[in-house]
């Protein structure tokens, strides 16, 4: 085993902290020749302006599936941003749930050597 990761999981929520994490993950992917996976965990009922950590109930009149569609759009935008940094994304993962637990379980399932997240 080398000291470099072979598979990197980037967790994103569309924030500026996530954008910084994406730039780092793209650079690490290029340097290490690693496989890059990008994930977003969303909470059912969260609106487009609320990050994955939101816990509010759906807004009155919010159509079924709205939060998931918004999460999918955000994930697509983040993948484009990472690819603009020069990285190739091997796979995307959109999951409902609690971010910390869901991301750790996903990292284990895909055999990620490194989980990259943004933080303030």
N, C-alpha and C. Protein backbone atom coordinates (compact mmCIF):
# COMPACT_ATOMS: atom_id res chain seq x y z
N UNK A 1 0.84 -1.18 0.00
CA UNK A 1 0.00 0.00 0.00
C UNK A 1 0.88 1.24 0.00
N UNK A 2 0.60 2.15 -0.92
CA UNK A 2 1.34 3.41 -0.94
C UNK A 2 0.72 4.37 0.06
N UNK A 3 1.40 5.48 0.29
CA UNK A 3 0.89 6.50 1.20
C UNK A 3 -0.16 7.38 0.56
N UNK A 4 -0.47 7.17 -0.70
CA UNK A 4 -1.44 8.00 -1.41
C UNK A 4 -2.77 7.29 -1.52
N UNK A 5 -3.86 8.05 -1.46
CA UNK A 5 -5.17 7.42 -1.60
C UNK A 5 -5.42 6.96 -3.03
N UNK A 6 -6.11 5.83 -3.15
CA UNK A 6 -6.50 5.31 -4.46
C UNK A 6 -7.92 5.72 -4.83
N UNK A 7 -8.75 5.96 -3.81
CA UNK A 7 -10.14 6.34 -4.05
C UNK A 7 -10.49 7.45 -3.05
N UNK A 8 -10.96 8.57 -3.59
CA UNK A 8 -11.30 9.73 -2.78
C UNK A 8 -12.80 9.98 -2.88
N UNK A 9 -13.44 10.22 -1.74
CA UNK A 9 -14.84 10.60 -1.71
C UNK A 9 -14.93 12.06 -1.29
N UNK A 10 -15.46 12.90 -2.18
CA UNK A 10 -15.69 14.31 -1.90
C UNK A 10 -17.14 14.49 -1.50
N UNK A 11 -17.36 15.02 -0.30
CA UNK A 11 -18.71 15.34 0.17
C UNK A 11 -18.96 16.81 -0.11
N UNK A 12 -20.10 17.11 -0.70
CA UNK A 12 -20.39 18.49 -1.07
C UNK A 12 -21.80 18.88 -0.66
N UNK A 13 -21.96 20.16 -0.32
CA UNK A 13 -23.30 20.67 -0.01
C UNK A 13 -23.58 22.00 -0.71
N UNK A 14 -22.73 22.37 -1.65
CA UNK A 14 -22.96 23.57 -2.43
C UNK A 14 -22.46 24.86 -1.81
N UNK A 15 -21.84 24.79 -0.65
CA UNK A 15 -21.34 25.99 0.03
C UNK A 15 -19.94 26.35 -0.48
N UNK A 16 -19.47 27.53 -0.10
CA UNK A 16 -18.12 27.95 -0.47
C UNK A 16 -17.08 27.03 0.18
N UNK A 17 -17.35 26.55 1.39
CA UNK A 17 -16.44 25.59 2.01
C UNK A 17 -16.33 24.32 1.17
N UNK A 18 -17.45 23.89 0.61
CA UNK A 18 -17.44 22.73 -0.27
C UNK A 18 -16.65 23.01 -1.55
N UNK A 19 -16.72 24.23 -2.05
CA UNK A 19 -15.97 24.59 -3.25
C UNK A 19 -14.47 24.49 -2.98
N UNK A 20 -14.04 24.93 -1.80
CA UNK A 20 -12.62 24.80 -1.44
C UNK A 20 -12.23 23.33 -1.31
N UNK A 21 -13.10 22.54 -0.70
CA UNK A 21 -12.84 21.10 -0.58
C UNK A 21 -12.76 20.45 -1.96
N UNK A 22 -13.61 20.90 -2.89
CA UNK A 22 -13.61 20.35 -4.25
C UNK A 22 -12.29 20.65 -4.95
N UNK A 23 -11.77 21.86 -4.79
CA UNK A 23 -10.48 22.20 -5.40
C UNK A 23 -9.37 21.32 -4.84
N UNK A 24 -9.40 21.10 -3.53
CA UNK A 24 -8.40 20.23 -2.90
C UNK A 24 -8.54 18.79 -3.40
N UNK A 25 -9.76 18.28 -3.46
CA UNK A 25 -9.98 16.91 -3.93
C UNK A 25 -9.52 16.75 -5.37
N UNK A 26 -9.79 17.75 -6.21
CA UNK A 26 -9.36 17.68 -7.61
C UNK A 26 -7.84 17.64 -7.70
N UNK A 27 -7.18 18.47 -6.91
CA UNK A 27 -5.71 18.49 -6.92
C UNK A 27 -5.15 17.17 -6.42
N UNK A 28 -5.71 16.64 -5.34
CA UNK A 28 -5.24 15.35 -4.81
C UNK A 28 -5.46 14.23 -5.80
N UNK A 29 -6.60 14.25 -6.46
CA UNK A 29 -6.91 13.23 -7.46
C UNK A 29 -5.87 13.23 -8.56
N UNK A 30 -5.53 14.43 -9.05
CA UNK A 30 -4.53 14.54 -10.11
C UNK A 30 -3.16 14.08 -9.62
N UNK A 31 -2.77 14.52 -8.44
CA UNK A 31 -1.44 14.20 -7.91
C UNK A 31 -1.28 12.71 -7.64
N UNK A 32 -2.34 12.09 -7.12
CA UNK A 32 -2.26 10.69 -6.71
C UNK A 32 -2.72 9.71 -7.79
N UNK A 33 -3.37 10.22 -8.82
CA UNK A 33 -3.96 9.32 -9.81
C UNK A 33 -5.11 8.53 -9.23
N UNK A 34 -5.79 9.12 -8.25
CA UNK A 34 -6.87 8.43 -7.55
C UNK A 34 -8.18 8.51 -8.32
N UNK A 35 -9.09 7.65 -7.95
CA UNK A 35 -10.45 7.65 -8.47
C UNK A 35 -11.26 8.58 -7.58
N UNK A 36 -12.02 9.50 -8.19
CA UNK A 36 -12.78 10.49 -7.43
C UNK A 36 -14.28 10.20 -7.49
N UNK A 37 -14.88 10.16 -6.32
CA UNK A 37 -16.32 10.02 -6.19
C UNK A 37 -16.84 11.30 -5.53
N UNK A 38 -18.00 11.77 -5.95
CA UNK A 38 -18.59 12.98 -5.38
C UNK A 38 -19.96 12.62 -4.81
N UNK A 39 -20.21 13.05 -3.56
CA UNK A 39 -21.46 12.70 -2.89
C UNK A 39 -22.13 13.93 -2.31
N UNK A 40 -23.45 13.85 -2.27
CA UNK A 40 -24.26 14.85 -1.58
C UNK A 40 -25.33 14.11 -0.81
N UNK A 41 -25.47 14.47 0.46
CA UNK A 41 -26.51 13.88 1.31
C UNK A 41 -27.55 14.97 1.56
N UNK A 42 -28.79 14.64 1.29
CA UNK A 42 -29.87 15.60 1.45
C UNK A 42 -30.90 15.08 2.42
N UNK A 43 -31.62 16.02 2.99
CA UNK A 43 -32.70 15.67 3.90
C UNK A 43 -34.03 15.86 3.19
N UNK A 44 -34.85 14.86 3.12
CA UNK A 44 -36.16 15.05 2.51
C UNK A 44 -36.88 16.23 3.17
N UNK A 45 -37.44 17.10 2.32
CA UNK A 45 -38.15 18.26 2.82
C UNK A 45 -37.30 19.51 2.87
N UNK A 46 -35.99 19.40 2.64
CA UNK A 46 -35.13 20.57 2.68
C UNK A 46 -35.32 21.36 1.39
N UNK A 47 -35.31 22.67 1.49
CA UNK A 47 -35.49 23.50 0.30
C UNK A 47 -34.16 23.74 -0.39
N UNK A 48 -34.22 24.33 -1.58
CA UNK A 48 -33.02 24.57 -2.35
C UNK A 48 -32.05 25.52 -1.66
N UNK A 49 -32.54 26.33 -0.75
CA UNK A 49 -31.66 27.29 -0.10
C UNK A 49 -31.15 26.79 1.24
N UNK A 50 -31.49 25.57 1.59
CA UNK A 50 -31.07 25.01 2.86
C UNK A 50 -30.10 23.88 2.58
N UNK A 51 -28.99 23.83 3.31
CA UNK A 51 -27.98 22.81 3.07
C UNK A 51 -28.44 21.44 3.55
N UNK A 52 -27.60 20.45 3.33
CA UNK A 52 -27.93 19.07 3.66
C UNK A 52 -28.21 18.86 5.14
N UNK A 53 -27.77 19.76 6.00
CA UNK A 53 -27.98 19.60 7.44
C UNK A 53 -29.36 20.08 7.89
N UNK A 54 -30.19 20.54 6.96
CA UNK A 54 -31.50 21.09 7.31
C UNK A 54 -32.39 20.04 7.94
N UNK A 55 -33.23 20.50 8.85
CA UNK A 55 -34.14 19.56 9.50
C UNK A 55 -35.58 20.04 9.45
N UNK A 56 -35.87 21.09 8.73
CA UNK A 56 -37.23 21.62 8.70
C UNK A 56 -38.17 20.71 7.92
N UNK A 57 -39.45 20.75 8.23
CA UNK A 57 -40.42 19.97 7.46
C UNK A 57 -40.64 20.63 6.09
N UNK A 58 -41.27 19.93 5.16
CA UNK A 58 -41.53 20.53 3.84
C UNK A 58 -42.38 21.79 3.99
N UNK A 59 -42.14 22.74 3.12
CA UNK A 59 -42.97 23.95 3.09
C UNK A 59 -44.35 23.60 2.57
N UNK A 60 -45.38 24.32 3.05
CA UNK A 60 -46.72 24.07 2.51
C UNK A 60 -46.71 24.28 0.98
N UNK A 61 -47.26 23.35 0.28
CA UNK A 61 -47.33 23.46 -1.17
C UNK A 61 -46.08 23.01 -1.90
N UNK A 62 -45.06 22.59 -1.18
CA UNK A 62 -43.83 22.11 -1.82
C UNK A 62 -44.15 20.77 -2.48
N UNK A 63 -43.92 20.64 -3.78
CA UNK A 63 -44.30 19.40 -4.47
C UNK A 63 -43.48 18.20 -4.02
N UNK A 64 -44.06 17.02 -4.07
CA UNK A 64 -43.31 15.81 -3.72
C UNK A 64 -42.06 15.67 -4.59
N UNK A 65 -40.98 15.29 -3.98
CA UNK A 65 -39.74 15.09 -4.73
C UNK A 65 -38.96 16.35 -5.00
N UNK A 66 -39.45 17.49 -4.56
CA UNK A 66 -38.78 18.77 -4.83
C UNK A 66 -37.36 18.80 -4.25
N UNK A 67 -37.23 18.40 -2.98
CA UNK A 67 -35.92 18.45 -2.33
C UNK A 67 -34.92 17.56 -3.05
N UNK A 68 -35.35 16.38 -3.47
CA UNK A 68 -34.44 15.48 -4.18
C UNK A 68 -34.03 16.07 -5.52
N UNK A 69 -34.97 16.67 -6.24
CA UNK A 69 -34.62 17.29 -7.53
C UNK A 69 -33.61 18.42 -7.34
N UNK A 70 -33.81 19.23 -6.30
CA UNK A 70 -32.88 20.32 -6.03
C UNK A 70 -31.50 19.76 -5.64
N UNK A 71 -31.49 18.70 -4.85
CA UNK A 71 -30.23 18.07 -4.45
C UNK A 71 -29.50 17.52 -5.67
N UNK A 72 -30.24 16.92 -6.59
CA UNK A 72 -29.65 16.37 -7.81
C UNK A 72 -29.04 17.49 -8.67
N UNK A 73 -29.73 18.62 -8.78
CA UNK A 73 -29.21 19.77 -9.53
C UNK A 73 -27.91 20.28 -8.90
N UNK A 74 -27.92 20.41 -7.57
CA UNK A 74 -26.73 20.89 -6.87
C UNK A 74 -25.56 19.93 -7.06
N UNK A 75 -25.81 18.64 -6.99
CA UNK A 75 -24.75 17.65 -7.18
C UNK A 75 -24.18 17.76 -8.59
N UNK A 76 -25.04 17.91 -9.58
CA UNK A 76 -24.58 18.07 -10.96
C UNK A 76 -23.70 19.30 -11.12
N UNK A 77 -24.09 20.40 -10.49
CA UNK A 77 -23.30 21.63 -10.56
C UNK A 77 -21.93 21.44 -9.90
N UNK A 78 -21.91 20.73 -8.79
CA UNK A 78 -20.64 20.48 -8.11
C UNK A 78 -19.73 19.58 -8.94
N UNK A 79 -20.30 18.60 -9.60
CA UNK A 79 -19.49 17.72 -10.47
C UNK A 79 -18.89 18.54 -11.60
N UNK A 80 -19.68 19.43 -12.20
CA UNK A 80 -19.13 20.29 -13.26
C UNK A 80 -17.99 21.16 -12.72
N UNK A 81 -18.15 21.66 -11.51
CA UNK A 81 -17.11 22.49 -10.91
C UNK A 81 -15.82 21.69 -10.72
N UNK A 82 -15.93 20.47 -10.23
CA UNK A 82 -14.76 19.61 -10.02
C UNK A 82 -14.10 19.30 -11.36
N UNK A 83 -14.91 19.01 -12.37
CA UNK A 83 -14.35 18.70 -13.68
C UNK A 83 -13.67 19.92 -14.30
N UNK A 84 -14.17 21.12 -14.01
CA UNK A 84 -13.51 22.34 -14.47
C UNK A 84 -12.14 22.52 -13.81
N UNK A 85 -11.97 21.92 -12.65
CA UNK A 85 -10.68 21.94 -11.96
C UNK A 85 -9.72 20.91 -12.56
N UNK A 86 -10.20 20.11 -13.51
CA UNK A 86 -9.35 19.15 -14.20
C UNK A 86 -9.46 17.72 -13.72
N UNK A 87 -10.35 17.46 -12.78
CA UNK A 87 -10.51 16.09 -12.28
C UNK A 87 -11.60 15.37 -13.05
N UNK A 88 -11.47 14.07 -13.15
CA UNK A 88 -12.50 13.24 -13.75
C UNK A 88 -13.25 12.54 -12.62
N UNK A 89 -14.56 12.66 -12.62
CA UNK A 89 -15.39 12.05 -11.58
C UNK A 89 -15.78 10.65 -12.01
N UNK A 90 -15.41 9.67 -11.20
CA UNK A 90 -15.70 8.27 -11.50
C UNK A 90 -17.17 7.94 -11.26
N UNK A 91 -17.73 8.49 -10.18
CA UNK A 91 -19.11 8.17 -9.85
C UNK A 91 -19.67 9.23 -8.91
N UNK A 92 -20.97 9.48 -9.03
CA UNK A 92 -21.65 10.37 -8.10
C UNK A 92 -22.57 9.56 -7.21
N UNK A 93 -22.85 10.12 -6.04
CA UNK A 93 -23.69 9.44 -5.06
C UNK A 93 -24.63 10.46 -4.44
N UNK A 94 -25.91 10.29 -4.62
CA UNK A 94 -26.93 11.14 -4.02
C UNK A 94 -27.68 10.29 -3.02
N UNK A 95 -27.63 10.70 -1.75
CA UNK A 95 -28.24 9.88 -0.70
C UNK A 95 -29.09 10.74 0.22
N UNK A 96 -30.25 10.23 0.62
CA UNK A 96 -31.00 10.90 1.68
C UNK A 96 -30.45 10.44 3.02
N UNK A 97 -30.57 11.28 4.03
CA UNK A 97 -30.16 10.85 5.36
C UNK A 97 -29.45 11.90 6.15
N UNK A 98 -28.82 11.46 7.21
CA UNK A 98 -28.02 12.33 8.07
C UNK A 98 -26.61 12.37 7.49
N UNK A 99 -26.09 13.55 7.18
CA UNK A 99 -24.83 13.65 6.44
C UNK A 99 -23.65 12.86 7.03
N UNK A 100 -23.33 13.06 8.28
CA UNK A 100 -22.13 12.42 8.84
C UNK A 100 -22.21 10.90 8.76
N UNK A 101 -23.29 10.33 9.24
CA UNK A 101 -23.44 8.88 9.25
C UNK A 101 -23.50 8.32 7.83
N UNK A 102 -24.24 9.00 6.97
CA UNK A 102 -24.41 8.52 5.60
C UNK A 102 -23.09 8.55 4.84
N UNK A 103 -22.31 9.61 5.02
CA UNK A 103 -21.03 9.72 4.31
C UNK A 103 -20.01 8.71 4.80
N UNK A 104 -19.95 8.49 6.08
CA UNK A 104 -19.01 7.49 6.62
C UNK A 104 -19.37 6.10 6.10
N UNK A 105 -20.66 5.78 6.10
CA UNK A 105 -21.08 4.47 5.58
C UNK A 105 -20.78 4.34 4.08
N UNK A 106 -21.01 5.41 3.33
CA UNK A 106 -20.73 5.38 1.90
C UNK A 106 -19.24 5.22 1.64
N UNK A 107 -18.42 5.95 2.39
CA UNK A 107 -16.96 5.83 2.22
C UNK A 107 -16.51 4.39 2.46
N UNK A 108 -17.06 3.75 3.47
CA UNK A 108 -16.70 2.35 3.74
C UNK A 108 -17.18 1.44 2.61
N UNK A 109 -18.40 1.68 2.14
CA UNK A 109 -18.98 0.82 1.10
C UNK A 109 -18.19 0.88 -0.20
N UNK A 110 -17.72 2.07 -0.59
CA UNK A 110 -16.99 2.18 -1.85
C UNK A 110 -15.49 1.98 -1.68
N UNK A 111 -15.03 1.81 -0.44
CA UNK A 111 -13.62 1.58 -0.18
C UNK A 111 -12.78 2.85 -0.35
N UNK A 112 -13.35 3.99 0.07
CA UNK A 112 -12.60 5.24 -0.04
C UNK A 112 -11.45 5.26 0.96
N UNK A 113 -10.30 5.72 0.49
CA UNK A 113 -9.13 5.87 1.36
C UNK A 113 -9.13 7.23 2.03
N UNK A 114 -9.91 8.17 1.47
CA UNK A 114 -9.92 9.54 1.96
C UNK A 114 -11.30 10.14 1.75
N UNK A 115 -11.83 10.80 2.77
CA UNK A 115 -13.09 11.51 2.68
C UNK A 115 -12.76 13.00 2.82
N UNK A 116 -13.10 13.78 1.81
CA UNK A 116 -12.80 15.22 1.80
C UNK A 116 -14.10 15.97 2.00
N UNK A 117 -14.14 16.82 3.05
CA UNK A 117 -15.31 17.65 3.34
C UNK A 117 -14.86 19.07 3.58
N UNK A 118 -15.73 20.01 3.34
CA UNK A 118 -15.43 21.42 3.63
C UNK A 118 -15.80 21.74 5.05
N UNK A 119 -15.18 22.74 5.60
CA UNK A 119 -15.49 23.16 6.96
C UNK A 119 -15.06 24.58 7.18
N UNK A 120 -15.79 25.25 8.00
CA UNK A 120 -15.52 26.67 8.25
C UNK A 120 -14.51 26.90 9.33
